[in-house]
All heavy atoms as atom14 arrays in JSON, in Angstrom:
{
  "sequence": "EGRIAIAALAVGLAQGCVDESLKYAKERQAFGRPIGNYQAI",
  "atom14_mask": [
    [1, 1, 1, 1, 1, 1, 1, 1, 1, 0, 0, 0, 0, 0],
    [1, 1, 1, 1, 0, 0, 0, 0, 0, 0, 0, 0, 0, 0],
    [1, 1, 1, 1, 1, 1, 1, 1, 1, 1, 1, 0, 0, 0],
    [1, 1, 1, 1, 1, 1, 1, 1, 0, 0, 0, 0, 0, 0],
    [1, 1, 1, 1, 1, 0, 0, 0, 0, 0, 0, 0, 0, 0],
    [1, 1, 1, 1, 1, 1, 1, 1, 0, 0, 0, 0, 0, 0],
    [1, 1, 1, 1, 1, 0, 0, 0, 0, 0, 0, 0, 0, 0],
    [1, 1, 1, 1, 1, 0, 0, 0, 0, 0, 0, 0, 0, 0],
    [1, 1, 1, 1, 1, 1, 1, 1, 0, 0, 0, 0, 0, 0],
    [1, 1, 1, 1, 1, 0, 0, 0, 0, 0, 0, 0, 0, 0],
    [1, 1, 1, 1, 1, 1, 1, 0, 0, 0, 0, 0, 0, 0],
    [1, 1, 1, 1, 0, 0, 0, 0, 0, 0, 0, 0, 0, 0],
    [1, 1, 1, 1, 1, 1, 1, 1, 0, 0, 0, 0, 0, 0],
    [1, 1, 1, 1, 1, 0, 0, 0, 0, 0, 0, 0, 0, 0],
    [1, 1, 1, 1, 1, 1, 1, 1, 1, 0, 0, 0, 0, 0],
    [1, 1, 1, 1, 0, 0, 0, 0, 0, 0, 0, 0, 0, 0],
    [1, 1, 1, 1, 1, 1, 0, 0, 0, 0, 0, 0, 0, 0],
    [1, 1, 1, 1, 1, 1, 1, 0, 0, 0, 0, 0, 0, 0],
    [1, 1, 1, 1, 1, 1, 1, 1, 0, 0, 0, 0, 0, 0],
    [1, 1, 1, 1, 1, 1, 1, 1, 1, 0, 0, 0, 0, 0],
    [1, 1, 1, 1, 1, 1, 0, 0, 0, 0, 0, 0, 0, 0],
    [1, 1, 1, 1, 1, 1, 1, 1, 0, 0, 0, 0, 0, 0],
    [1, 1, 1, 1, 1, 1, 1, 1, 1, 0, 0, 0, 0, 0],
    [1, 1, 1, 1, 1, 1, 1, 1, 1, 1, 1, 1, 0, 0],
    [1, 1, 1, 1, 1, 0, 0, 0, 0, 0, 0, 0, 0, 0],
    [1, 1, 1, 1, 1, 1, 1, 1, 1, 0, 0, 0, 0, 0],
    [1, 1, 1, 1, 1, 1, 1, 1, 1, 0, 0, 0, 0, 0],
    [1, 1, 1, 1, 1, 1, 1, 1, 1, 1, 1, 0, 0, 0],
    [1, 1, 1, 1, 1, 1, 1, 1, 1, 0, 0, 0, 0, 0],
    [1, 1, 1, 1, 1, 0, 0, 0, 0, 0, 0, 0, 0, 0],
    [1, 1, 1, 1, 1, 1, 1, 1, 1, 1, 1, 0, 0, 0],
    [1, 1, 1, 1, 0, 0, 0, 0, 0, 0, 0, 0, 0, 0],
    [1, 1, 1, 1, 1, 1, 1, 1, 1, 1, 1, 0, 0, 0],
    [1, 1, 1, 1, 1, 1, 1, 0, 0, 0, 0, 0, 0, 0],
    [1, 1, 1, 1, 1, 1, 1, 1, 0, 0, 0, 0, 0, 0],
    [1, 1, 1, 1, 0, 0, 0, 0, 0, 0, 0, 0, 0, 0],
    [1, 1, 1, 1, 1, 1, 1, 1, 0, 0, 0, 0, 0, 0],
    [1, 1, 1, 1, 1, 1, 1, 1, 1, 1, 1, 1, 0, 0],
    [1, 1, 1, 1, 1, 1, 1, 1, 1, 0, 0, 0, 0, 0],
    [1, 1, 1, 1, 1, 0, 0, 0, 0, 0, 0, 0, 0, 0],
    [1, 1, 1, 1, 1, 1, 1, 1, 0, 0, 0, 0, 0, 0]
  ],
  "atom14_positions": [
    [[-23.41, -11.66, 6.14], [-23.94, -10.34, 6.48], [-22.84, -9.46, 7.04], [-22.69, -8.29, 6.69], [-25.06, -10.47, 7.53], [-26.29, -11.18, 6.99], [-27.36, -11.35, 8.08], [-27.07, -10.91, 9.26], [-28.43, -11.88, 7.82], [0.0, 0.0, 0.0], [0.0, 0.0, 0.0], [0.0, 0.0, 0.0], [0.0, 0.0, 0.0], [0.0, 0.0, 0.0]],
    [[-21.98, -10.08, 7.91], [-20.92, -9.31, 8.53], [-19.89, -8.78, 7.56], [-19.26, -7.75, 7.81], [0.0, 0.0, 0.0], [0.0, 0.0, 0.0], [0.0, 0.0, 0.0], [0.0, 0.0, 0.0], [0.0, 0.0, 0.0], [0.0, 0.0, 0.0], [0.0, 0.0, 0.0], [0.0, 0.0, 0.0], [0.0, 0.0, 0.0], [0.0, 0.0, 0.0]],
    [[-19.74, -9.51, 6.43], [-18.76, -9.0, 5.43], [-19.2, -7.68, 4.82], [-18.34, -6.87, 4.48], [-18.58, -10.08, 4.36], [-17.7, -11.2, 4.84], [-17.67, -12.42, 3.96], [-16.93, -13.48, 4.59], [-17.23, -14.76, 4.55], [-18.32, -15.15, 3.88], [-16.51, -15.66, 5.15], [0.0, 0.0, 0.0], [0.0, 0.0, 0.0], [0.0, 0.0, 0.0]],
    [[-20.49, -7.48, 4.69], [-20.99, -6.17, 4.25], [-20.62, -5.12, 5.25], [-20.19, -4.01, 4.9], [-22.47, -6.19, 3.96], [-22.85, -7.35, 2.97], [-22.95, -4.9, 3.42], [-24.35, -7.51, 2.77], [0.0, 0.0, 0.0], [0.0, 0.0, 0.0], [0.0, 0.0, 0.0], [0.0, 0.0, 0.0], [0.0, 0.0, 0.0], [0.0, 0.0, 0.0]],
    [[-20.83, -5.44, 6.51], [-20.54, -4.49, 7.57], [-19.04, -4.13, 7.64], [-18.62, -3.0, 7.8], [-21.02, -4.98, 8.9], [0.0, 0.0, 0.0], [0.0, 0.0, 0.0], [0.0, 0.0, 0.0], [0.0, 0.0, 0.0], [0.0, 0.0, 0.0], [0.0, 0.0, 0.0], [0.0, 0.0, 0.0], [0.0, 0.0, 0.0], [0.0, 0.0, 0.0]],
    [[-18.2, -5.15, 7.48], [-16.75, -4.97, 7.52], [-16.35, -4.11, 6.29], [-15.42, -3.29, 6.36], [-15.99, -6.28, 7.53], [-16.15, -6.97, 8.87], [-14.49, -6.06, 7.26], [-15.52, -6.17, 10.04], [0.0, 0.0, 0.0], [0.0, 0.0, 0.0], [0.0, 0.0, 0.0], [0.0, 0.0, 0.0], [0.0, 0.0, 0.0], [0.0, 0.0, 0.0]],
    [[-17.0, -4.35, 5.12], [-16.72, -3.54, 3.96], [-17.05, -2.07, 4.21], [-16.28, -1.19, 3.82], [-17.55, -4.07, 2.75], [0.0, 0.0, 0.0], [0.0, 0.0, 0.0], [0.0, 0.0, 0.0], [0.0, 0.0, 0.0], [0.0, 0.0, 0.0], [0.0, 0.0, 0.0], [0.0, 0.0, 0.0], [0.0, 0.0, 0.0], [0.0, 0.0, 0.0]],
    [[-18.16, -1.82, 4.86], [-18.52, -0.44, 5.25], [-17.46, 0.19, 6.11], [-17.1, 1.37, 5.97], [-19.9, -0.39, 5.86], [0.0, 0.0, 0.0], [0.0, 0.0, 0.0], [0.0, 0.0, 0.0], [0.0, 0.0, 0.0], [0.0, 0.0, 0.0], [0.0, 0.0, 0.0], [0.0, 0.0, 0.0], [0.0, 0.0, 0.0], [0.0, 0.0, 0.0]],
    [[-17.03, -0.59, 7.13], [-15.98, -0.14, 8.02], [-14.72, 0.2, 7.24], [-14.07, 1.26, 7.5], [-15.72, -1.16, 9.11], [-14.89, -0.81, 10.28], [-15.19, -1.76, 11.45], [-13.38, -0.89, 9.98], [0.0, 0.0, 0.0], [0.0, 0.0, 0.0], [0.0, 0.0, 0.0], [0.0, 0.0, 0.0], [0.0, 0.0, 0.0], [0.0, 0.0, 0.0]],
    [[-14.34, -0.67, 6.31], [-13.14, -0.46, 5.54], [-13.26, 0.79, 4.68], [-12.3, 1.55, 4.51], [-12.86, -1.66, 4.66], [0.0, 0.0, 0.0], [0.0, 0.0, 0.0], [0.0, 0.0, 0.0], [0.0, 0.0, 0.0], [0.0, 0.0, 0.0], [0.0, 0.0, 0.0], [0.0, 0.0, 0.0], [0.0, 0.0, 0.0], [0.0, 0.0, 0.0]],
    [[-14.45, 1.04, 4.12], [-14.65, 2.23, 3.36], [-14.49, 3.48, 4.21], [-13.94, 4.54, 3.81], [-16.07, 2.23, 2.66], [-16.41, 3.59, 2.09], [-16.12, 1.18, 1.6], [0.0, 0.0, 0.0], [0.0, 0.0, 0.0], [0.0, 0.0, 0.0], [0.0, 0.0, 0.0], [0.0, 0.0, 0.0], [0.0, 0.0, 0.0], [0.0, 0.0, 0.0]],
    [[-15.01, 3.38, 5.44], [-14.86, 4.51, 6.36], [-13.37, 4.82, 6.61], [-12.97, 5.99, 6.59], [0.0, 0.0, 0.0], [0.0, 0.0, 0.0], [0.0, 0.0, 0.0], [0.0, 0.0, 0.0], [0.0, 0.0, 0.0], [0.0, 0.0, 0.0], [0.0, 0.0, 0.0], [0.0, 0.0, 0.0], [0.0, 0.0, 0.0], [0.0, 0.0, 0.0]],
    [[-12.56, 3.8, 6.87], [-11.15, 4.01, 7.06], [-10.49, 4.62, 5.81], [-9.73, 5.59, 5.92], [-10.45, 2.69, 7.41], [-9.0, 2.8, 7.83], [-8.65, 1.64, 8.8], [-8.03, 2.77, 6.65], [0.0, 0.0, 0.0], [0.0, 0.0, 0.0], [0.0, 0.0, 0.0], [0.0, 0.0, 0.0], [0.0, 0.0, 0.0], [0.0, 0.0, 0.0]],
    [[-10.86, 4.07, 4.65], [-10.32, 4.61, 3.4], [-10.69, 6.07, 3.15], [-9.88, 6.91, 2.73], [-10.81, 3.79, 2.22], [0.0, 0.0, 0.0], [0.0, 0.0, 0.0], [0.0, 0.0, 0.0], [0.0, 0.0, 0.0], [0.0, 0.0, 0.0], [0.0, 0.0, 0.0], [0.0, 0.0, 0.0], [0.0, 0.0, 0.0], [0.0, 0.0, 0.0]],
    [[-11.97, 6.43, 3.51], [-12.4, 7.8, 3.39], [-11.75, 8.7, 4.42], [-11.4, 9.87, 4.1], [-13.93, 7.9, 3.48], [-14.5, 9.23, 3.05], [-14.3, 9.47, 1.55], [-14.7, 8.65, 0.75], [-13.63, 10.55, 1.17], [0.0, 0.0, 0.0], [0.0, 0.0, 0.0], [0.0, 0.0, 0.0], [0.0, 0.0, 0.0], [0.0, 0.0, 0.0]],
    [[-11.49, 8.16, 5.61], [-10.77, 8.92, 6.61], [-9.38, 9.28, 6.18], [-8.84, 10.35, 6.5], [0.0, 0.0, 0.0], [0.0, 0.0, 0.0], [0.0, 0.0, 0.0], [0.0, 0.0, 0.0], [0.0, 0.0, 0.0], [0.0, 0.0, 0.0], [0.0, 0.0, 0.0], [0.0, 0.0, 0.0], [0.0, 0.0, 0.0], [0.0, 0.0, 0.0]],
    [[-8.78, 8.34, 5.42], [-7.44, 8.64, 4.9], [-7.48, 9.81, 3.86], [-6.58, 10.64, 3.86], [-6.89, 7.39, 4.22], [-6.42, 6.09, 5.36], [0.0, 0.0, 0.0], [0.0, 0.0, 0.0], [0.0, 0.0, 0.0], [0.0, 0.0, 0.0], [0.0, 0.0, 0.0], [0.0, 0.0, 0.0], [0.0, 0.0, 0.0], [0.0, 0.0, 0.0]],
    [[-8.53, 9.85, 3.07], [-8.72, 10.97, 2.18], [-8.91, 12.28, 2.95], [-8.29, 13.31, 2.63], [-9.91, 10.71, 1.23], [-10.2, 11.95, 0.36], [-9.75, 9.52, 0.39], [0.0, 0.0, 0.0], [0.0, 0.0, 0.0], [0.0, 0.0, 0.0], [0.0, 0.0, 0.0], [0.0, 0.0, 0.0], [0.0, 0.0, 0.0], [0.0, 0.0, 0.0]],
    [[-9.79, 12.2, 3.99], [-10.0, 13.43, 4.81], [-8.74, 14.0, 5.37], [-8.49, 15.2, 5.26], [-10.97, 13.03, 5.93], [-12.34, 12.62, 5.49], [-12.74, 12.9, 4.33], [-13.04, 11.96, 6.33], [0.0, 0.0, 0.0], [0.0, 0.0, 0.0], [0.0, 0.0, 0.0], [0.0, 0.0, 0.0], [0.0, 0.0, 0.0], [0.0, 0.0, 0.0]],
    [[-7.94, 13.11, 5.98], [-6.75, 13.61, 6.65], [-5.7, 14.05, 5.63], [-4.96, 15.02, 5.89], [-6.17, 12.48, 7.53], [-7.03, 12.13, 8.74], [-7.22, 13.28, 9.68], [-6.29, 14.06, 9.86], [-8.31, 13.41, 10.26], [0.0, 0.0, 0.0], [0.0, 0.0, 0.0], [0.0, 0.0, 0.0], [0.0, 0.0, 0.0], [0.0, 0.0, 0.0]],
    [[-5.61, 13.41, 4.5], [-4.67, 13.79, 3.49], [-5.0, 15.11, 2.84], [-4.14, 15.94, 2.61], [-4.57, 12.71, 2.38], [-4.12, 11.48, 2.94], [0.0, 0.0, 0.0], [0.0, 0.0, 0.0], [0.0, 0.0, 0.0], [0.0, 0.0, 0.0], [0.0, 0.0, 0.0], [0.0, 0.0, 0.0], [0.0, 0.0, 0.0], [0.0, 0.0, 0.0]],
    [[-6.29, 15.37, 2.62], [-6.74, 16.67, 2.12], [-6.35, 17.78, 3.06], [-5.83, 18.82, 2.69], [-8.25, 16.64, 1.89], [-8.76, 16.09, 0.57], [-10.26, 15.98, 0.62], [-8.33, 16.98, -0.61], [0.0, 0.0, 0.0], [0.0, 0.0, 0.0], [0.0, 0.0, 0.0], [0.0, 0.0, 0.0], [0.0, 0.0, 0.0], [0.0, 0.0, 0.0]],
    [[-6.65, 17.54, 4.36], [-6.33, 18.57, 5.35], [-4.86, 18.84, 5.42], [-4.44, 19.99, 5.4], [-6.84, 18.08, 6.71], [-6.54, 18.98, 7.89], [-7.05, 18.34, 9.18], [-6.66, 19.21, 10.39], [-7.11, 18.6, 11.66], [0.0, 0.0, 0.0], [0.0, 0.0, 0.0], [0.0, 0.0, 0.0], [0.0, 0.0, 0.0], [0.0, 0.0, 0.0]],
    [[-4.07, 17.8, 5.4], [-2.63, 17.97, 5.51], [-2.03, 18.63, 4.29], [-1.14, 19.45, 4.38], [-1.93, 16.6, 5.75], [-0.49, 16.67, 6.1], [-0.04, 17.03, 7.36], [0.43, 16.38, 5.09], [1.33, 17.09, 7.61], [1.79, 16.44, 5.36], [2.23, 16.83, 6.6], [3.58, 16.89, 6.9], [0.0, 0.0, 0.0], [0.0, 0.0, 0.0]],
    [[-2.56, 18.23, 3.13], [-2.01, 18.75, 1.85], [-2.28, 20.24, 1.69], [-1.54, 20.96, 1.01], [-2.65, 18.01, 0.66], [0.0, 0.0, 0.0], [0.0, 0.0, 0.0], [0.0, 0.0, 0.0], [0.0, 0.0, 0.0], [0.0, 0.0, 0.0], [0.0, 0.0, 0.0], [0.0, 0.0, 0.0], [0.0, 0.0, 0.0], [0.0, 0.0, 0.0]],
    [[-3.33, 20.76, 2.36], [-3.59, 22.2, 2.27], [-2.78, 22.96, 3.32], [-2.56, 24.19, 3.1], [-5.08, 22.4, 2.53], [-6.01, 21.88, 1.45], [-7.47, 22.05, 1.82], [-8.37, 21.52, 0.71], [-9.82, 21.58, 1.05], [0.0, 0.0, 0.0], [0.0, 0.0, 0.0], [0.0, 0.0, 0.0], [0.0, 0.0, 0.0], [0.0, 0.0, 0.0]],
    [[-2.32, 22.31, 4.37], [-1.61, 23.01, 5.43], [-0.05, 22.89, 5.29], [0.65, 23.85, 5.56], [-2.02, 22.41, 6.81], [-3.49, 22.6, 7.15], [-3.88, 21.93, 8.45], [-3.05, 21.13, 8.92], [-4.98, 22.18, 8.92], [0.0, 0.0, 0.0], [0.0, 0.0, 0.0], [0.0, 0.0, 0.0], [0.0, 0.0, 0.0], [0.0, 0.0, 0.0]],
    [[0.41, 21.77, 4.81], [1.85, 21.52, 4.81], [2.5, 22.25, 3.64], [2.07, 22.19, 2.49], [2.07, 20.01, 4.59], [3.56, 19.63, 4.52], [4.22, 19.69, 5.91], [5.48, 19.01, 5.96], [6.68, 19.54, 5.7], [6.78, 20.81, 5.35], [7.75, 18.74, 5.77], [0.0, 0.0, 0.0], [0.0, 0.0, 0.0], [0.0, 0.0, 0.0]],
    [[3.51, 23.04, 3.96], [4.23, 23.79, 2.96], [5.53, 23.08, 2.55], [6.23, 22.52, 3.4], [4.56, 25.19, 3.53], [3.39, 26.02, 3.86], [2.81, 26.74, 2.67], [3.56, 27.1, 1.71], [1.53, 27.04, 2.67], [0.0, 0.0, 0.0], [0.0, 0.0, 0.0], [0.0, 0.0, 0.0], [0.0, 0.0, 0.0], [0.0, 0.0, 0.0]],
    [[5.85, 23.1, 1.3], [7.11, 22.57, 0.78], [7.54, 23.35, -0.46], [6.69, 23.57, -1.33], [6.99, 21.06, 0.44], [0.0, 0.0, 0.0], [0.0, 0.0, 0.0], [0.0, 0.0, 0.0], [0.0, 0.0, 0.0], [0.0, 0.0, 0.0], [0.0, 0.0, 0.0], [0.0, 0.0, 0.0], [0.0, 0.0, 0.0], [0.0, 0.0, 0.0]],
    [[8.74, 23.82, -0.46], [9.25, 24.62, -1.59], [8.37, 25.85, -1.85], [8.12, 26.23, -2.97], [9.32, 23.77, -2.86], [10.16, 22.54, -2.67], [9.55, 21.28, -2.55], [11.54, 22.59, -2.59], [10.35, 20.12, -2.33], [12.31, 21.47, -2.42], [11.71, 20.2, -2.29], [0.0, 0.0, 0.0], [0.0, 0.0, 0.0], [0.0, 0.0, 0.0]],
    [[7.88, 26.42, -0.74], [7.2, 27.72, -0.84], [5.73, 27.66, -1.09], [5.11, 28.73, -1.2], [0.0, 0.0, 0.0], [0.0, 0.0, 0.0], [0.0, 0.0, 0.0], [0.0, 0.0, 0.0], [0.0, 0.0, 0.0], [0.0, 0.0, 0.0], [0.0, 0.0, 0.0], [0.0, 0.0, 0.0], [0.0, 0.0, 0.0], [0.0, 0.0, 0.0]],
    [[5.11, 26.51, -1.17], [3.68, 26.48, -1.36], [3.14, 25.16, -0.77], [3.84, 24.2, -0.53], [3.31, 26.55, -2.81], [4.03, 25.63, -3.74], [3.59, 25.87, -5.19], [4.33, 25.05, -6.13], [3.89, 24.7, -7.31], [2.67, 25.11, -7.71], [4.61, 23.98, -8.13], [0.0, 0.0, 0.0], [0.0, 0.0, 0.0], [0.0, 0.0, 0.0]],
    [[1.75, 25.09, -0.56], [1.18, 23.89, 0.01], [1.45, 22.69, -0.89], [1.41, 22.79, -2.11], [-0.33, 24.18, 0.03], [-0.4, 25.69, 0.03], [0.76, 26.17, -0.77], [0.0, 0.0, 0.0], [0.0, 0.0, 0.0], [0.0, 0.0, 0.0], [0.0, 0.0, 0.0], [0.0, 0.0, 0.0], [0.0, 0.0, 0.0], [0.0, 0.0, 0.0]],
    [[1.68, 21.53, -0.28], [2.0, 20.33, -1.06], [0.8, 19.9, -1.95], [0.99, 19.18, -2.94], [2.49, 19.18, -0.2], [1.36, 18.71, 0.77], [3.77, 19.54, 0.53], [1.74, 17.41, 1.54], [0.0, 0.0, 0.0], [0.0, 0.0, 0.0], [0.0, 0.0, 0.0], [0.0, 0.0, 0.0], [0.0, 0.0, 0.0], [0.0, 0.0, 0.0]],
    [[-0.39, 20.34, -1.55], [-1.55, 19.99, -2.39], [-1.55, 20.69, -3.76], [-2.35, 20.36, -4.59], [0.0, 0.0, 0.0], [0.0, 0.0, 0.0], [0.0, 0.0, 0.0], [0.0, 0.0, 0.0], [0.0, 0.0, 0.0], [0.0, 0.0, 0.0], [0.0, 0.0, 0.0], [0.0, 0.0, 0.0], [0.0, 0.0, 0.0], [0.0, 0.0, 0.0]],
    [[-0.67, 21.66, -3.93], [-0.55, 22.33, -5.22], [0.28, 21.52, -6.23], [0.28, 21.81, -7.42], [0.17, 23.68, -5.06], [-0.76, 24.73, -4.45], [-1.88, 24.41, -4.05], [-0.25, 25.97, -4.3], [0.0, 0.0, 0.0], [0.0, 0.0, 0.0], [0.0, 0.0, 0.0], [0.0, 0.0, 0.0], [0.0, 0.0, 0.0], [0.0, 0.0, 0.0]],
    [[0.92, 20.44, -5.73], [1.78, 19.63, -6.57], [0.95, 18.47, -7.14], [0.24, 17.78, -6.42], [2.99, 19.14, -5.86], [3.9, 20.24, -5.39], [3.88, 20.68, -4.08], [4.74, 20.89, -6.27], [4.71, 21.69, -3.64], [5.6, 21.92, -5.85], [5.54, 22.35, -4.54], [6.38, 23.35, -4.13], [0.0, 0.0, 0.0], [0.0, 0.0, 0.0]],
    [[1.14, 18.24, -8.43], [0.36, 17.18, -9.1], [0.59, 15.81, -8.54], [-0.35, 14.98, -8.5], [0.68, 17.18, -10.62], [-0.33, 16.43, -11.47], [-0.02, 16.57, -12.94], [0.93, 15.99, -13.45], [-0.88, 17.3, -13.66], [0.0, 0.0, 0.0], [0.0, 0.0, 0.0], [0.0, 0.0, 0.0], [0.0, 0.0, 0.0], [0.0, 0.0, 0.0]],
    [[1.74, 15.54, -8.07], [2.07, 14.23, -7.5], [1.15, 13.92, -6.32], [0.61, 12.85, -6.17], [3.52, 14.18, -7.03], [0.0, 0.0, 0.0], [0.0, 0.0, 0.0], [0.0, 0.0, 0.0], [0.0, 0.0, 0.0], [0.0, 0.0, 0.0], [0.0, 0.0, 0.0], [0.0, 0.0, 0.0], [0.0, 0.0, 0.0], [0.0, 0.0, 0.0]],
    [[0.93, 14.97, -5.46], [0.03, 14.78, -4.33], [-1.44, 14.77, -4.73], [-2.28, 14.02, -4.27], [0.26, 15.92, -3.27], [1.71, 15.89, -2.79], [-0.7, 15.75, -2.12], [2.13, 14.59, -2.09], [0.0, 0.0, 0.0], [0.0, 0.0, 0.0], [0.0, 0.0, 0.0], [0.0, 0.0, 0.0], [0.0, 0.0, 0.0], [0.0, 0.0, 0.0]]
  ]
}
């Protein structure tokens, strides 16, 4: 049972990484525009 709960926790961390990366990619500027405009990001 606990493995399901740990999986949920891991998903939360993974989604938190998406949340923070989205926020940063829209704010951080590089070469004159947000880094989220670049396909690599």
